[in-house]
Amino acid sequence: MDMFLIDTVVLLAFVVLLGYFNEKVTKLTHEIALMLFSVIIGGALVVFGAALKGSGSLSQLLSGFQFFNLEDFLIEGVLCFMLFAGSCHMRLLDFKRYARAISLLAIGATFLGAVFYGLIFFAAGKVLGLPLTLPVCLMFGSIVAPTDPIAATSILKKFHLPPGISFIIEGESLLNDGMGVALFIFFSGLVTMQEGGGFFSVMAKEILGAVLVGTAVTAVCFPIFSHTQDEARQIFTSLLAVSLSYVACEAFGFSGAIASVICGVLFSALRNRAEQKEKPLKLEQFDIFWEILDTLLNSILYVMLGLSFFHILQMPKVLILSGLAVAANFAGRAGSLGAASLFIGSLPDGYKKREFIKLLTWGGLRGGLSVALAMSTGSMVTGDIYHIILGGTYAVVFFTTIVQGMTMKRVYERISRGMNQ
């Protein structure tokens, strides 16, 4: 039988059963619960796999459950749909209002975060005697710099943040994915010593090309989307638009992630324009579909990450390197946000910059994009360095999702009390 179908059944079973257990018993945030319980199950699989070593097919089956092909699942599978789902409901008028803050955070802070992280990890690597070059560390920084838009916003929304601050955080976490991919391409080019142009030429190719593709595809697809009376056809058209944009960008060497976001933002803008002209589109099924698909794909992602966690922990020196990666990530995130905030200006809803930086620093959760980028470095670096990058990335994703995610409510309440004093 096709392993894809078997993997799908297993993953859906985990999503349903763990989600139901959390709903009735633990009542944690959905994403946190899935990853936490999957980590526990992954640990049990490691123990049982070791006990059954040499037991033939059963041992191989348990081993296979520990490490799904996340790179193919994300980069070649569902990343574009996740990004479209997150951006197709953006409020364009609000984006114009907060364009300066979102741009500085998504572009400036992501770039500075990658550089700060790389420099910190490089210095620590020298002290520990690790075989890491500066370009490799900068590439590592670009992998963990972008925050996960799905995990971060789903947790922060539960705290009923003021609308202006909430939108800035959503916009920053959504758009910095594309910036992170562009930085990864640039720094990985330095690692492999390929001549792909300077930073600005790479950025222009990645961003401008993706914008052109996303705009062109939307211009073709949205008229069908807006004029059809069949709600199912509207959904099919949106699926065609985002997947076609992603495939075209991959063929031309542009950023498919950015093109997916562009499609989502343009669909949202054109939809809002129709509503302003008192010609609202009937999109109830469209909204329900993308919300459910977003939740499903995100849930599968966190189960896969959790099941793979103990497999990564078996790598050499992973514990000390994981602690170093988490510390460097925290310092890099806080430092980059502090530098970017100097140019943002005043914040909405009466927020002070210090409290805003604290909120974004602790709320900067990492997710599947970071893991997929880390996995793609296997063809660029040697085995030991690859294990350092992959293990460190997993540590950052796990720490930000589980530790920071579970304590986010307490941090937010402390920030709120500080603002009211």
Protein backbone atom coordinates (compact mmCIF):
# COMPACT_ATOMS: atom_id res chain seq x y z
CA MET A 1 0.00 0.00 0.00
CA ASP A 2 1.18 3.57 -0.72
CA MET A 3 3.07 4.95 2.31
CA PHE A 4 1.61 8.40 1.67
CA LEU A 5 -1.87 7.12 2.50
CA ILE A 6 -0.62 5.27 5.56
CA ASP A 7 1.23 8.37 6.82
CA THR A 8 -1.91 10.45 6.22
CA VAL A 9 -4.05 8.06 8.26
CA VAL A 10 -1.52 8.03 11.12
CA LEU A 11 -1.15 11.80 11.20
CA LEU A 12 -4.91 12.42 11.06
CA ALA A 13 -5.41 9.90 13.86
CA PHE A 14 -2.91 11.81 16.02
CA VAL A 15 -4.57 15.15 15.19
CA VAL A 16 -8.07 13.89 16.02
CA LEU A 17 -7.28 11.85 19.12
CA LEU A 18 -4.79 14.26 20.69
CA GLY A 19 -7.04 17.22 19.89
CA TYR A 20 -10.04 15.48 21.46
CA PHE A 21 -8.03 14.57 24.58
CA ASN A 22 -6.86 18.17 24.91
CA GLU A 23 -10.40 19.50 24.44
CA LYS A 24 -11.81 17.29 27.19
CA VAL A 25 -8.91 17.04 29.63
CA THR A 26 -5.88 19.34 29.39
CA LYS A 27 -7.47 22.33 27.60
CA LEU A 28 -4.16 23.78 26.38
CA THR A 29 -3.76 25.91 23.28
CA HIS A 30 -4.39 23.55 20.35
CA GLU A 31 -0.95 23.90 18.68
CA ILE A 32 0.93 23.58 21.95
CA ALA A 33 -1.03 20.49 22.96
CA LEU A 34 -0.43 18.71 19.66
CA MET A 35 3.31 19.31 19.74
CA LEU A 36 3.73 18.54 23.45
CA PHE A 37 1.80 15.27 23.33
CA SER A 38 3.49 14.29 20.04
CA VAL A 39 6.88 14.80 21.70
CA ILE A 40 5.81 12.47 24.52
CA ILE A 41 4.60 9.86 22.03
CA GLY A 42 7.79 10.30 20.00
CA GLY A 43 9.82 9.60 23.14
CA ALA A 44 7.79 6.46 23.80
CA LEU A 45 8.44 5.33 20.22
CA VAL A 46 12.17 5.77 20.76
CA VAL A 47 12.04 3.59 23.89
CA PHE A 48 9.88 0.90 22.28
CA GLY A 49 11.97 1.02 19.12
CA ALA A 50 15.14 0.40 21.13
CA ALA A 51 13.47 -2.45 23.03
CA LEU A 52 12.26 -4.05 19.79
CA LYS A 53 15.50 -3.51 17.89
CA GLY A 54 16.04 -6.36 15.51
CA SER A 55 12.37 -7.35 15.62
CA GLY A 56 11.88 -6.83 11.89
CA SER A 57 8.96 -4.90 10.41
CA LEU A 58 7.54 -3.68 13.73
CA SER A 59 10.82 -1.98 14.64
CA GLN A 60 11.02 -0.37 11.20
CA LEU A 61 7.43 0.85 11.47
CA LEU A 62 8.09 2.53 14.83
CA SER A 63 11.27 4.10 13.46
CA GLY A 64 9.41 5.43 10.44
CA PHE A 65 6.85 7.19 12.62
CA GLN A 66 9.63 9.21 14.28
CA PHE A 67 10.81 11.07 11.21
CA PHE A 68 8.39 12.13 8.49
CA ASN A 69 9.68 13.99 5.45
CA LEU A 70 8.99 17.48 6.72
CA GLU A 71 10.92 19.22 3.96
CA ASP A 72 8.80 17.77 1.16
CA PHE A 73 5.64 18.26 3.19
CA LEU A 74 6.34 21.95 3.75
CA ILE A 75 8.36 23.34 0.87
CA GLU A 76 6.86 21.19 -1.91
CA GLY A 77 3.48 20.65 -0.31
CA VAL A 78 1.45 22.94 1.89
CA LEU A 79 3.51 26.03 2.74
CA CYS A 80 1.88 28.10 0.01
CA PHE A 81 -1.61 27.22 1.23
CA MET A 82 -0.71 28.08 4.83
CA LEU A 83 0.60 31.49 3.78
CA PHE A 84 -2.41 32.22 1.56
CA ALA A 85 -4.79 31.24 4.34
CA GLY A 86 -3.08 33.64 6.70
CA SER A 87 -3.09 36.57 4.28
CA CYS A 88 -6.40 36.31 2.41
CA HIS A 89 -8.24 37.97 5.30
CA MET A 90 -5.80 40.87 5.81
CA ARG A 91 -7.33 44.32 6.12
CA LEU A 92 -5.51 46.34 3.48
CA LEU A 93 -6.56 49.71 4.87
CA ASP A 94 -5.04 48.76 8.22
CA PHE A 95 -1.89 47.59 6.43
CA LYS A 96 -1.52 51.03 4.82
CA ARG A 97 -2.00 52.64 8.20
CA TYR A 98 0.74 50.55 9.83
CA ALA A 99 2.94 50.01 6.76
CA ARG A 100 5.97 51.66 8.34
CA ALA A 101 5.91 49.58 11.50
CA ILE A 102 5.20 46.30 9.69
CA SER A 103 7.89 46.91 7.05
CA LEU A 104 10.55 47.80 9.61
CA LEU A 105 9.74 44.75 11.70
CA ALA A 106 9.30 42.27 8.85
CA ILE A 107 12.34 43.40 6.83
CA GLY A 108 14.66 45.31 9.14
CA ALA A 109 14.20 43.27 12.31
CA THR A 110 14.35 39.96 10.44
CA PHE A 111 17.61 40.95 8.75
CA LEU A 112 19.14 42.22 12.00
CA GLY A 113 17.89 39.15 13.86
CA ALA A 114 19.62 36.83 11.40
CA VAL A 115 22.87 38.81 11.66
CA PHE A 116 22.77 39.12 15.46
CA TYR A 117 22.01 35.42 15.86
CA GLY A 118 24.77 34.46 13.43
CA LEU A 119 27.37 36.61 15.18
CA ILE A 120 26.40 35.34 18.65
CA PHE A 121 26.46 31.71 17.55
CA PHE A 122 29.76 32.20 15.71
CA ALA A 123 31.41 33.70 18.81
CA ALA A 124 30.06 30.93 21.04
CA GLY A 125 31.19 28.34 18.51
CA LYS A 126 34.74 29.68 18.68
CA VAL A 127 34.72 29.34 22.46
CA LEU A 128 33.41 25.75 22.23
CA GLY A 129 35.73 24.83 19.38
CA LEU A 130 32.96 24.11 16.88
CA PRO A 131 33.88 23.91 13.16
CA LEU A 132 31.55 26.75 12.18
CA THR A 133 32.40 29.54 9.75
CA LEU A 134 30.77 32.97 9.81
CA PRO A 135 28.74 32.37 6.59
CA VAL A 136 27.38 29.13 8.05
CA CYS A 137 26.35 30.92 11.24
CA LEU A 138 24.69 33.71 9.29
CA MET A 139 22.82 31.10 7.25
CA PHE A 140 21.78 29.50 10.54
CA GLY A 141 20.57 32.93 11.69
CA SER A 142 18.40 33.34 8.58
CA ILE A 143 16.81 29.95 9.27
CA VAL A 144 15.55 30.83 12.75
CA ALA A 145 14.91 34.56 12.15
CA PRO A 146 11.37 34.39 10.67
CA THR A 147 8.57 33.81 13.14
CA ASP A 148 5.68 31.47 12.47
CA PRO A 149 2.54 33.44 11.53
CA ILE A 150 0.13 30.64 12.39
CA ALA A 151 1.35 29.66 15.84
CA ALA A 152 2.08 33.20 17.03
CA THR A 153 -1.20 34.79 15.99
CA SER A 154 -3.36 31.87 17.13
CA ILE A 155 -1.94 32.23 20.65
CA LEU A 156 -1.89 36.02 20.81
CA LYS A 157 -5.47 36.32 19.55
CA LYS A 158 -6.67 34.56 22.69
CA PHE A 159 -5.53 37.55 24.78
CA HIS A 160 -7.73 40.03 22.91
CA LEU A 161 -4.91 42.41 22.06
CA PRO A 162 -5.79 45.94 20.97
CA PRO A 163 -6.64 45.91 17.22
CA GLY A 164 -3.70 48.06 16.09
CA ILE A 165 -1.04 46.09 17.97
CA SER A 166 -2.65 42.79 16.95
CA PHE A 167 -2.56 43.73 13.27
CA ILE A 168 1.09 44.85 13.41
CA ILE A 169 2.09 41.53 15.00
CA GLU A 170 0.07 39.54 12.44
CA GLY A 171 1.51 41.49 9.52
CA GLU A 172 5.08 41.21 10.79
CA SER A 173 4.93 37.47 11.40
CA LEU A 174 3.31 36.90 8.00
CA LEU A 175 5.65 38.97 5.84
CA ASN A 176 8.93 38.03 7.51
CA ASP A 177 8.65 34.51 6.09
CA GLY A 178 9.49 35.83 2.63
CA MET A 179 12.32 37.94 4.03
CA GLY A 180 13.71 34.92 5.85
CA VAL A 181 13.68 32.84 2.65
CA ALA A 182 15.49 35.61 0.73
CA LEU A 183 18.14 35.92 3.45
CA PHE A 184 18.58 32.15 3.49
CA ILE A 185 19.19 32.13 -0.28
CA PHE A 186 21.77 34.90 0.05
CA PHE A 187 23.70 33.42 2.99
CA SER A 188 23.53 29.86 1.65
CA GLY A 189 25.10 31.22 -1.55
CA LEU A 190 28.01 32.48 0.53
CA VAL A 191 28.34 29.08 2.17
CA THR A 192 28.49 27.21 -1.13
CA MET A 193 30.65 29.94 -2.71
CA GLN A 194 28.25 30.36 -5.59
CA GLU A 195 28.11 33.65 -7.39
CA GLY A 196 24.48 34.58 -7.29
CA GLY A 197 24.88 38.33 -7.06
CA GLY A 198 24.94 40.63 -4.07
CA PHE A 199 22.34 40.99 -1.38
CA PHE A 200 20.25 43.63 -3.13
CA SER A 201 20.21 41.80 -6.46
CA VAL A 202 19.07 38.61 -4.74
CA MET A 203 16.42 40.51 -2.82
CA ALA A 204 15.19 42.21 -5.98
CA LYS A 205 14.92 38.89 -7.78
CA GLU A 206 13.21 37.14 -4.90
CA ILE A 207 10.75 39.88 -3.99
CA LEU A 208 10.03 41.75 -7.22
CA GLY A 209 9.73 38.59 -9.26
CA ALA A 210 7.35 37.09 -6.73
CA VAL A 211 5.26 40.27 -6.63
CA LEU A 212 4.96 40.27 -10.42
CA VAL A 213 3.96 36.60 -10.57
CA GLY A 214 1.48 36.87 -7.71
CA THR A 215 -0.09 40.00 -9.22
CA ALA A 216 -0.34 38.51 -12.71
CA VAL A 217 -1.92 35.27 -11.54
CA THR A 218 -4.39 37.13 -9.32
CA ALA A 219 -5.33 39.41 -12.25
CA VAL A 220 -6.27 36.33 -14.25
CA CYS A 221 -7.99 34.33 -11.52
CA PHE A 222 -9.86 36.94 -9.48
CA PRO A 223 -12.35 37.94 -12.23
CA ILE A 224 -13.50 34.31 -12.34
CA PHE A 225 -13.56 34.24 -8.54
CA SER A 226 -15.70 37.39 -8.28
CA HIS A 227 -18.17 36.68 -11.11
CA THR A 228 -18.99 33.03 -10.48
CA GLN A 229 -22.09 32.25 -8.44
CA ASP A 230 -20.80 28.85 -7.41
CA GLU A 231 -19.13 29.02 -3.99
CA ALA A 232 -17.27 25.77 -4.61
CA ARG A 233 -15.79 27.26 -7.80
CA GLN A 234 -14.61 30.27 -5.80
CA ILE A 235 -12.66 27.92 -3.55
CA PHE A 236 -11.24 26.03 -6.54
CA THR A 237 -10.16 29.30 -8.14
CA SER A 238 -8.33 30.46 -5.01
CA LEU A 239 -6.56 27.09 -4.80
CA LEU A 240 -5.54 27.43 -8.44
CA ALA A 241 -4.25 30.98 -7.93
CA VAL A 242 -1.99 30.24 -4.98
CA SER A 243 -0.64 26.92 -6.29
CA LEU A 244 -0.01 28.36 -9.78
CA SER A 245 1.82 31.35 -8.29
CA TYR A 246 4.00 29.08 -6.17
CA VAL A 247 4.85 26.71 -9.02
CA ALA A 248 5.64 29.58 -11.40
CA CYS A 249 7.96 31.22 -8.87
CA GLU A 250 9.77 27.94 -8.25
CA ALA A 251 10.30 27.58 -12.00
CA PHE A 252 11.67 31.12 -12.41
CA GLY A 253 13.74 31.14 -9.21
CA PHE A 254 11.54 33.63 -7.33
CA SER A 255 10.15 33.29 -3.82
CA GLY A 256 7.03 31.15 -3.87
CA ALA A 257 6.38 32.08 -0.25
CA ILE A 258 6.19 35.79 -1.08
CA ALA A 259 4.00 35.13 -4.13
CA SER A 260 1.56 33.18 -1.94
CA VAL A 261 1.30 36.11 0.44
CA ILE A 262 0.83 38.54 -2.47
CA CYS A 263 -2.04 36.42 -3.82
CA GLY A 264 -3.70 36.35 -0.43
CA VAL A 265 -3.33 40.10 0.15
CA LEU A 266 -4.65 40.94 -3.34
CA PHE A 267 -7.63 38.61 -2.95
CA SER A 268 -8.39 40.34 0.34
CA ALA A 269 -7.94 43.83 -1.14
CA LEU A 270 -10.15 43.16 -4.15
CA ARG A 271 -12.75 41.62 -1.90
CA ASN A 272 -12.74 44.69 0.34
CA ARG A 273 -13.00 46.92 -2.72
CA ALA A 274 -16.14 45.10 -3.83
CA GLU A 275 -17.65 45.53 -0.38
CA GLN A 276 -16.90 49.28 -0.44
CA LYS A 277 -18.82 49.51 -3.71
CA GLU A 278 -21.77 47.83 -1.97
CA LYS A 279 -21.30 44.72 -4.08
CA PRO A 280 -20.27 42.24 -1.39
CA LEU A 281 -19.31 38.77 -2.55
CA LYS A 282 -20.94 35.71 -1.06
CA LEU A 283 -17.87 34.14 0.57
CA GLU A 284 -19.10 32.30 3.64
CA GLN A 285 -17.96 28.92 2.32
CA PHE A 286 -14.66 30.43 1.15
CA ASP A 287 -13.89 31.74 4.64
CA ILE A 288 -14.88 28.47 6.30
CA PHE A 289 -12.81 26.40 3.87
CA TRP A 290 -9.58 28.35 4.33
CA GLU A 291 -10.00 28.49 8.10
CA ILE A 292 -10.46 24.71 8.30
CA LEU A 293 -7.62 24.00 5.86
CA ASP A 294 -5.31 26.32 7.80
CA THR A 295 -6.14 24.57 11.06
CA LEU A 296 -5.73 21.09 9.55
CA LEU A 297 -2.36 21.72 7.91
CA ASN A 298 -1.05 23.51 10.98
CA SER A 299 -2.17 20.63 13.19
CA ILE A 300 -0.46 18.02 11.01
CA LEU A 301 2.70 20.13 11.01
CA TYR A 302 2.94 20.23 14.80
CA VAL A 303 2.32 16.51 15.12
CA MET A 304 5.13 15.83 12.63
CA LEU A 305 7.49 18.14 14.50
CA GLY A 306 6.67 16.51 17.81
CA LEU A 307 7.14 12.94 16.55
CA SER A 308 10.51 13.86 15.03
CA PHE A 309 11.84 15.64 18.11
CA PHE A 310 13.48 12.71 19.92
CA HIS A 311 15.06 11.54 16.69
CA ILE A 312 16.89 14.87 16.54
CA LEU A 313 17.87 14.67 20.22
CA GLN A 314 19.89 11.54 19.50
CA MET A 315 22.40 13.59 17.50
CA PRO A 316 25.84 14.21 19.10
CA LYS A 317 26.33 17.26 21.39
CA VAL A 318 22.75 18.28 20.71
CA LEU A 319 21.89 19.32 24.30
CA ILE A 320 24.61 21.94 24.77
CA LEU A 321 24.13 23.16 21.21
CA SER A 322 20.38 23.37 21.73
CA GLY A 323 20.82 25.55 24.80
CA LEU A 324 23.21 27.76 22.88
CA ALA A 325 20.78 28.02 19.96
CA VAL A 326 17.89 29.02 22.23
CA ALA A 327 19.95 31.67 24.04
CA ALA A 328 21.30 33.12 20.79
CA ASN A 329 17.81 33.20 19.31
CA PHE A 330 16.38 35.05 22.30
CA ALA A 331 19.20 37.62 22.31
CA GLY A 332 19.05 38.09 18.55
CA ARG A 333 15.28 38.57 18.52
CA ALA A 334 15.30 41.09 21.37
CA GLY A 335 18.25 43.02 19.92
CA SER A 336 16.82 43.24 16.41
CA LEU A 337 13.43 44.37 17.65
CA GLY A 338 15.04 46.99 19.86
CA ALA A 339 17.05 48.38 16.94
CA ALA A 340 14.05 48.40 14.56
CA SER A 341 11.80 50.06 17.15
CA LEU A 342 14.02 53.17 17.13
CA PHE A 343 12.60 54.05 13.70
CA ILE A 344 8.99 52.92 14.07
CA GLY A 345 7.64 56.06 15.67
CA SER A 346 4.67 56.04 18.03
CA LEU A 347 2.72 52.81 18.46
CA PRO A 348 -1.09 52.50 18.36
CA ASP A 349 -3.37 51.79 21.31
CA GLY A 350 -1.07 53.59 23.75
CA TYR A 351 1.59 50.88 23.73
CA LYS A 352 5.08 51.76 24.90
CA LYS A 353 8.02 50.50 22.85
CA ARG A 354 9.57 48.62 25.75
CA GLU A 355 6.41 46.60 26.39
CA PHE A 356 5.93 46.08 22.66
CA ILE A 357 9.46 44.64 22.31
CA LYS A 358 8.88 42.31 25.25
CA LEU A 359 5.62 41.09 23.74
CA LEU A 360 7.12 40.42 20.30
CA THR A 361 10.26 38.85 21.73
CA TRP A 362 8.42 36.29 23.83
CA GLY A 363 5.66 35.88 21.23
CA GLY A 364 8.13 35.17 18.40
CA LEU A 365 7.33 31.49 17.92
CA ARG A 366 9.12 29.49 15.22
CA GLY A 367 7.58 26.78 13.07
CA GLY A 368 7.75 24.61 9.98
CA LEU A 369 9.52 27.06 7.67
CA SER A 370 12.59 27.12 9.92
CA VAL A 371 12.71 23.31 10.07
CA ALA A 372 12.30 22.98 6.30
CA LEU A 373 15.11 25.47 5.62
CA ALA A 374 17.36 23.66 8.11
CA MET A 375 16.70 20.34 6.38
CA SER A 376 17.58 21.81 3.00
CA THR A 377 21.15 22.57 4.18
CA GLY A 378 22.09 18.89 4.03
CA SER A 379 23.50 19.31 0.52
CA MET A 380 25.57 22.38 1.48
CA VAL A 381 27.40 21.45 4.68
CA THR A 382 29.13 18.41 6.19
CA GLY A 383 27.40 15.91 8.45
CA ASP A 384 28.45 17.39 11.82
CA ILE A 385 27.54 20.93 10.83
CA TYR A 386 24.24 19.75 9.37
CA HIS A 387 23.40 18.05 12.66
CA ILE A 388 24.27 21.23 14.57
CA ILE A 389 21.96 23.32 12.37
CA LEU A 390 19.11 20.82 12.39
CA GLY A 391 19.34 20.10 16.12
CA GLY A 392 19.59 23.80 16.99
CA THR A 393 16.61 24.66 14.81
CA TYR A 394 14.49 21.95 16.40
CA ALA A 395 15.48 23.23 19.84
CA VAL A 396 14.42 26.77 18.95
CA VAL A 397 11.10 25.60 17.49
CA PHE A 398 10.39 23.39 20.49
CA PHE A 399 11.37 26.02 23.09
CA THR A 400 9.43 28.86 21.46
CA THR A 401 6.33 26.74 20.90
CA ILE A 402 6.17 24.84 24.17
CA VAL A 403 7.94 27.03 26.75
CA GLN A 404 7.21 30.49 25.36
CA GLY A 405 3.78 29.48 24.09
CA MET A 406 2.67 28.01 27.43
CA THR A 407 3.92 31.02 29.40
CA MET A 408 2.69 33.66 26.95
CA LYS A 409 -0.43 34.42 28.98
CA ARG A 410 1.61 35.10 32.12
CA VAL A 411 4.03 37.34 30.20
CA TYR A 412 1.19 39.28 28.59
CA GLU A 413 -0.53 39.82 31.94
CA ARG A 414 2.73 41.11 33.42
CA ILE A 415 3.20 43.49 30.50
CA SER A 416 -0.38 44.73 30.85
CA ARG A 417 0.08 45.38 34.58
CA GLY A 418 3.27 47.32 33.85
CA MET A 419 1.48 49.53 31.35
CA ASN A 420 -1.35 50.30 33.78
CA GLN A 421 0.97 51.36 36.61
